[in-house]
Amino acid sequence: MFGTEAGLFVDIFLLVQLLVLPALLWAVAAVRRGKVGLHARIMQVSFLGFLLSVVAFELEVRLGPTPPVPLWILGIHLCFALPALGLWALQLVRGKQAFTDPATHRGRGRILLGLLSATVATGFWLYAATY
């Protein structure tokens, strides 16, 4: 898709990474306008899309030919990606907590936004170094 040796799902995953940050910012804007339901739906759909693209990416990388990956860049990427995925799942599970403890939900959301930003940045770095 991008003129590299990467497979289709790797390229799709790169696009999903590019779209996830604007989606999160849209969700933040929605909740600030009082549209809590829209905020929840954006977060759920974004998480599901991201998770499905991760699964497709992993299947393609593990089942197909892959060029050598710089392990130190992969290690840095995973230091952001794994906690981001876990925190995102926690935020979705505890979404109702936002009504009883909004400060905690908002604080975790800010951390999540930072982790996902770093995940996307290092994901692009890893893509450029690998393909």
C-alpha atoms as a PDB file:
ATOM      1  CA  MET A   1       0.000   0.000   0.000  1.00  0.00           C
ATOM      2  CA  PHE A   2       2.790   2.442   0.931  1.00  0.00           C
ATOM      3  CA  GLY A   3       5.316   1.086  -1.561  1.00  0.00           C
ATOM      4  CA  THR A   4       7.268  -0.876   1.037  1.00  0.00           C
ATOM      5  CA  GLU A   5       7.798  -4.580   1.623  1.00  0.00           C
ATOM      6  CA  ALA A   6       5.204  -4.519   4.398  1.00  0.00           C
ATOM      7  CA  GLY A   7       2.079  -6.621   3.994  1.00  0.00           C
ATOM      8  CA  LEU A   8      -1.452  -5.280   3.685  1.00  0.00           C
ATOM      9  CA  PHE A   9      -2.383  -5.711   7.358  1.00  0.00           C
ATOM     10  CA  VAL A  10       0.828  -4.047   8.497  1.00  0.00           C
ATOM     11  CA  ASP A  11      -0.061  -1.042   6.351  1.00  0.00           C
ATOM     12  CA  ILE A  12      -3.665  -1.073   7.581  1.00  0.00           C
ATOM     13  CA  PHE A  13      -2.404  -1.164  11.156  1.00  0.00           C
ATOM     14  CA  LEU A  14      -0.250   1.875  10.407  1.00  0.00           C
ATOM     15  CA  LEU A  15      -3.355   3.721   9.177  1.00  0.00           C
ATOM     16  CA  VAL A  16      -5.320   2.697  12.271  1.00  0.00           C
ATOM     17  CA  GLN A  17      -2.521   4.057  14.461  1.00  0.00           C
ATOM     18  CA  LEU A  18      -2.726   7.307  12.541  1.00  0.00           C
ATOM     19  CA  LEU A  19      -6.497   7.531  13.087  1.00  0.00           C
ATOM     20  CA  VAL A  20      -6.620   6.578  16.762  1.00  0.00           C
ATOM     21  CA  LEU A  21      -5.296   9.881  18.151  1.00  0.00           C
ATOM     22  CA  PRO A  22      -7.827  12.087  16.311  1.00  0.00           C
ATOM     23  CA  ALA A  23     -10.567   9.691  17.462  1.00  0.00           C
ATOM     24  CA  LEU A  24      -9.460  10.092  21.077  1.00  0.00           C
ATOM     25  CA  LEU A  25      -9.386  13.858  20.742  1.00  0.00           C
ATOM     26  CA  TRP A  26     -12.906  13.712  19.264  1.00  0.00           C
ATOM     27  CA  ALA A  27     -13.982  11.654  22.293  1.00  0.00           C
ATOM     28  CA  VAL A  28     -12.502  14.253  24.660  1.00  0.00           C
ATOM     29  CA  ALA A  29     -14.301  17.034  22.795  1.00  0.00           C
ATOM     30  CA  ALA A  30     -17.565  15.081  22.961  1.00  0.00           C
ATOM     31  CA  VAL A  31     -17.422  14.609  26.720  1.00  0.00           C
ATOM     32  CA  ARG A  32     -16.544  18.278  27.233  1.00  0.00           C
ATOM     33  CA  ARG A  33     -19.728  19.169  25.337  1.00  0.00           C
ATOM     34  CA  GLY A  34     -21.651  16.873  27.669  1.00  0.00           C
ATOM     35  CA  LYS A  35     -22.143  14.106  25.123  1.00  0.00           C
ATOM     36  CA  VAL A  36     -21.130  11.257  27.412  1.00  0.00           C
ATOM     37  CA  GLY A  37     -22.837   8.582  25.315  1.00  0.00           C
ATOM     38  CA  LEU A  38     -20.971   9.676  22.188  1.00  0.00           C
ATOM     39  CA  HIS A  39     -17.731   9.717  24.170  1.00  0.00           C
ATOM     40  CA  ALA A  40     -18.324   6.136  25.315  1.00  0.00           C
ATOM     41  CA  ARG A  41     -19.180   4.915  21.808  1.00  0.00           C
ATOM     42  CA  ILE A  42     -16.112   6.559  20.262  1.00  0.00           C
ATOM     43  CA  MET A  43     -13.884   4.984  22.901  1.00  0.00           C
ATOM     44  CA  GLN A  44     -15.465   1.532  22.485  1.00  0.00           C
ATOM     45  CA  VAL A  45     -15.320   1.562  18.680  1.00  0.00           C
ATOM     46  CA  SER A  46     -11.763   2.931  18.693  1.00  0.00           C
ATOM     47  CA  PHE A  47     -10.623   0.260  21.139  1.00  0.00           C
ATOM     48  CA  LEU A  48     -12.311  -2.533  19.187  1.00  0.00           C
ATOM     49  CA  GLY A  49     -10.877  -1.310  15.871  1.00  0.00           C
ATOM     50  CA  PHE A  50      -7.431  -0.937  17.383  1.00  0.00           C
ATOM     51  CA  LEU A  51      -7.593  -4.379  18.999  1.00  0.00           C
ATOM     52  CA  LEU A  52      -8.751  -6.066  15.776  1.00  0.00           C
ATOM     53  CA  SER A  53      -6.004  -4.352  13.803  1.00  0.00           C
ATOM     54  CA  VAL A  54      -3.418  -5.491  16.371  1.00  0.00           C
ATOM     55  CA  VAL A  55      -4.614  -9.090  15.998  1.00  0.00           C
ATOM     56  CA  ALA A  56      -4.496  -8.892  12.178  1.00  0.00           C
ATOM     57  CA  PHE A  57      -1.059  -7.263  12.341  1.00  0.00           C
ATOM     58  CA  GLU A  58       0.296  -9.932  14.700  1.00  0.00           C
ATOM     59  CA  LEU A  59      -1.066 -12.759  12.550  1.00  0.00           C
ATOM     60  CA  GLU A  60       0.520 -11.318   9.422  1.00  0.00           C
ATOM     61  CA  VAL A  61       3.863 -10.665  11.099  1.00  0.00           C
ATOM     62  CA  ARG A  62       4.017 -14.102  12.717  1.00  0.00           C
ATOM     63  CA  LEU A  63       2.763 -16.113   9.717  1.00  0.00           C
ATOM     64  CA  GLY A  64       4.410 -14.238   6.870  1.00  0.00           C
ATOM     65  CA  PRO A  65       7.960 -13.289   5.964  1.00  0.00           C
ATOM     66  CA  THR A  66       9.203 -10.330   7.967  1.00  0.00           C
ATOM     67  CA  PRO A  67      12.467  -8.457   7.589  1.00  0.00           C
ATOM     68  CA  PRO A  68      14.756  -8.264  10.618  1.00  0.00           C
ATOM     69  CA  VAL A  69      13.253  -6.063  13.308  1.00  0.00           C
ATOM     70  CA  PRO A  70      15.508  -3.770  15.370  1.00  0.00           C
ATOM     71  CA  LEU A  71      14.800  -5.318  18.771  1.00  0.00           C
ATOM     72  CA  TRP A  72      15.785  -2.255  20.768  1.00  0.00           C
ATOM     73  CA  ILE A  73      13.202  -0.130  18.941  1.00  0.00           C
ATOM     74  CA  LEU A  74      10.619  -2.889  19.389  1.00  0.00           C
ATOM     75  CA  GLY A  75      11.423  -2.942  23.118  1.00  0.00           C
ATOM     76  CA  ILE A  76      10.873   0.805  23.433  1.00  0.00           C
ATOM     77  CA  HIS A  77       7.633   0.537  21.457  1.00  0.00           C
ATOM     78  CA  LEU A  78       6.319  -2.267  23.657  1.00  0.00           C
ATOM     79  CA  CYS A  79       7.120  -0.269  26.814  1.00  0.00           C
ATOM     80  CA  PHE A  80       4.416   2.159  25.689  1.00  0.00           C
ATOM     81  CA  ALA A  81       2.076  -0.154  23.748  1.00  0.00           C
ATOM     82  CA  LEU A  82       1.417  -2.819  26.378  1.00  0.00           C
ATOM     83  CA  PRO A  83       0.560  -0.444  29.237  1.00  0.00           C
ATOM     84  CA  ALA A  84      -1.568   1.624  26.824  1.00  0.00           C
ATOM     85  CA  LEU A  85      -3.606  -1.404  25.797  1.00  0.00           C
ATOM     86  CA  GLY A  86      -4.123  -2.462  29.406  1.00  0.00           C
ATOM     87  CA  LEU A  87      -5.031   1.036  30.579  1.00  0.00           C
ATOM     88  CA  TRP A  88      -7.438   1.496  27.673  1.00  0.00           C
ATOM     89  CA  ALA A  89      -9.208  -1.744  28.586  1.00  0.00           C
ATOM     90  CA  LEU A  90      -9.344  -0.619  32.227  1.00  0.00           C
ATOM     91  CA  GLN A  91     -10.824   2.733  31.218  1.00  0.00           C
ATOM     92  CA  LEU A  92     -13.558   0.988  29.239  1.00  0.00           C
ATOM     93  CA  VAL A  93     -14.370  -1.450  32.031  1.00  0.00           C
ATOM     94  CA  ARG A  94     -14.473   1.313  34.618  1.00  0.00           C
ATOM     95  CA  GLY A  95     -16.161   3.891  32.408  1.00  0.00           C
ATOM     96  CA  LYS A  96     -19.153   4.161  34.714  1.00  0.00           C
ATOM     97  CA  GLN A  97     -16.731   5.209  37.448  1.00  0.00           C
ATOM     98  CA  ALA A  98     -16.426   8.521  35.643  1.00  0.00           C
ATOM     99  CA  PHE A  99     -19.752   9.508  37.193  1.00  0.00           C
ATOM    100  CA  THR A 100     -18.657   8.747  40.768  1.00  0.00           C
ATOM    101  CA  ASP A 101     -14.956   9.625  40.490  1.00  0.00           C
ATOM    102  CA  PRO A 102     -14.426  11.833  37.426  1.00  0.00           C
ATOM    103  CA  ALA A 103     -10.982  13.034  38.515  1.00  0.00           C
ATOM    104  CA  THR A 104      -9.566   9.487  38.480  1.00  0.00           C
ATOM    105  CA  HIS A 105     -11.142   8.700  35.115  1.00  0.00           C
ATOM    106  CA  ARG A 106      -9.857  11.956  33.655  1.00  0.00           C
ATOM    107  CA  GLY A 107      -6.365  11.388  35.094  1.00  0.00           C
ATOM    108  CA  ARG A 108      -6.136   7.883  33.664  1.00  0.00           C
ATOM    109  CA  GLY A 109      -7.431   9.253  30.355  1.00  0.00           C
ATOM    110  CA  ARG A 110      -4.608  11.786  30.210  1.00  0.00           C
ATOM    111  CA  ILE A 111      -2.060   9.077  30.931  1.00  0.00           C
ATOM    112  CA  LEU A 112      -3.678   6.922  28.241  1.00  0.00           C
ATOM    113  CA  LEU A 113      -3.486   9.734  25.696  1.00  0.00           C
ATOM    114  CA  GLY A 114       0.228  10.137  26.446  1.00  0.00           C
ATOM    115  CA  LEU A 115       0.894   6.402  26.218  1.00  0.00           C
ATOM    116  CA  LEU A 116      -1.014   6.096  22.944  1.00  0.00           C
ATOM    117  CA  SER A 117       0.814   9.102  21.492  1.00  0.00           C
ATOM    118  CA  ALA A 118       4.135   7.479  22.355  1.00  0.00           C
ATOM    119  CA  THR A 119       2.879   4.141  20.989  1.00  0.00           C
ATOM    120  CA  VAL A 120       1.957   5.719  17.662  1.00  0.00           C
ATOM    121  CA  ALA A 121       5.243   7.634  17.430  1.00  0.00           C
ATOM    122  CA  THR A 122       7.365   4.581  18.196  1.00  0.00           C
ATOM    123  CA  GLY A 123       5.153   2.452  15.912  1.00  0.00           C
ATOM    124  CA  PHE A 124       5.952   4.709  12.975  1.00  0.00           C
ATOM    125  CA  TRP A 125       9.618   4.668  13.977  1.00  0.00           C
ATOM    126  CA  LEU A 126       9.560   0.853  14.076  1.00  0.00           C
ATOM    127  CA  TYR A 127       7.801   0.700  10.702  1.00  0.00           C
ATOM    128  CA  ALA A 128      10.390   3.016   9.131  1.00  0.00           C
ATOM    129  CA  ALA A 129      13.278   1.041  10.630  1.00  0.00           C
ATOM    130  CA  THR A 130      11.848  -2.338   9.583  1.00  0.00           C
ATOM    131  CA  TYR A 131      10.373  -1.702   6.157  1.00  0.00           C
END
